[in-house]
Amino acid sequence: MASRCELTGKGKQFGHNVSFSLRRTKRAFKPNLQKKTFTVDGKKVTMTLSTQAIRILKKKGLLAVGGK
């Protein structure tokens, strides 16, 4: 899968794992990306979207609620 959301551009962020002894090791926070297929002007378009972008599209009414 792609490492970026095609709508919002949300991608990997970097930070630290912090143990109980407060040692810090590098890690990556990856966005939850899903493949969604839309029909636009009768054509099927597949996009890689973050779950946040899917929620926004549902709220705006641009994505059918309840469908996969």
Protein backbone atom coordinates (compact mmCIF):
# COMPACT_ATOMS: atom_id res chain seq x y z
CA MET A 1 0.00 0.00 0.00
CA ALA A 2 1.01 3.59 -0.46
CA SER A 3 2.47 5.38 2.55
CA ARG A 4 0.39 8.55 2.07
CA CYS A 5 -3.28 9.44 1.99
CA GLU A 6 -4.16 10.60 -1.53
CA LEU A 7 -6.69 13.13 -0.24
CA THR A 8 -5.11 14.72 2.84
CA GLY A 9 -1.44 13.86 2.24
CA LYS A 10 -1.20 12.38 5.74
CA GLY A 11 1.92 10.23 6.02
CA LYS A 12 4.40 8.70 8.44
CA GLN A 13 5.43 10.65 11.54
CA PHE A 14 8.43 9.91 13.71
CA GLY A 15 8.85 9.82 17.46
CA HIS A 16 10.19 7.69 20.27
CA ASN A 17 9.25 4.53 22.12
CA VAL A 18 9.71 5.39 25.79
CA SER A 19 10.38 2.48 28.13
CA PHE A 20 9.69 2.34 31.85
CA SER A 21 13.32 3.34 32.47
CA LEU A 22 12.74 6.33 30.10
CA ARG A 23 15.15 5.07 27.43
CA ARG A 24 14.10 6.40 24.05
CA THR A 25 14.29 4.47 20.78
CA LYS A 26 13.17 5.73 17.39
CA ARG A 27 9.86 4.58 15.93
CA ALA A 28 7.40 5.52 13.20
CA PHE A 29 3.72 6.33 13.63
CA LYS A 30 1.95 5.13 10.46
CA PRO A 31 -1.50 6.36 9.39
CA ASN A 32 -4.34 3.84 9.10
CA LEU A 33 -4.70 3.68 5.30
CA GLN A 34 -7.56 1.92 3.50
CA LYS A 35 -8.27 1.37 -0.19
CA LYS A 36 -11.68 2.72 -1.19
CA THR A 37 -13.38 2.45 -4.58
CA PHE A 38 -15.68 5.26 -5.74
CA THR A 39 -17.79 5.66 -8.84
CA VAL A 40 -17.13 9.04 -10.44
CA ASP A 41 -19.01 9.82 -13.68
CA GLY A 42 -19.65 6.10 -14.18
CA LYS A 43 -15.99 5.13 -13.78
CA LYS A 44 -14.53 3.24 -10.82
CA VAL A 45 -11.74 5.12 -9.05
CA THR A 46 -9.65 3.44 -6.34
CA MET A 47 -7.98 5.70 -3.80
CA THR A 48 -5.79 5.08 -0.76
CA LEU A 49 -7.32 7.11 2.06
CA SER A 50 -6.67 7.53 5.76
CA THR A 51 -9.54 6.59 8.04
CA GLN A 52 -9.79 10.25 9.05
CA ALA A 53 -10.35 11.23 5.39
CA ILE A 54 -13.04 8.53 5.07
CA ARG A 55 -14.81 9.93 8.15
CA ILE A 56 -14.69 13.45 6.66
CA LEU A 57 -16.14 12.23 3.34
CA LYS A 58 -18.95 10.42 5.17
CA LYS A 59 -19.72 13.54 7.22
CA LYS A 60 -19.86 15.73 4.08
CA GLY A 61 -22.14 13.19 2.39
CA LEU A 62 -19.69 12.37 -0.42
CA LEU A 63 -19.37 8.72 0.60
CA ALA A 64 -22.22 6.28 1.10
CA VAL A 65 -22.61 5.44 4.79
CA GLY A 66 -22.53 1.76 5.67
CA GLY A 67 -20.96 0.55 2.41
CA LYS A 68 -17.55 -1.07 2.17
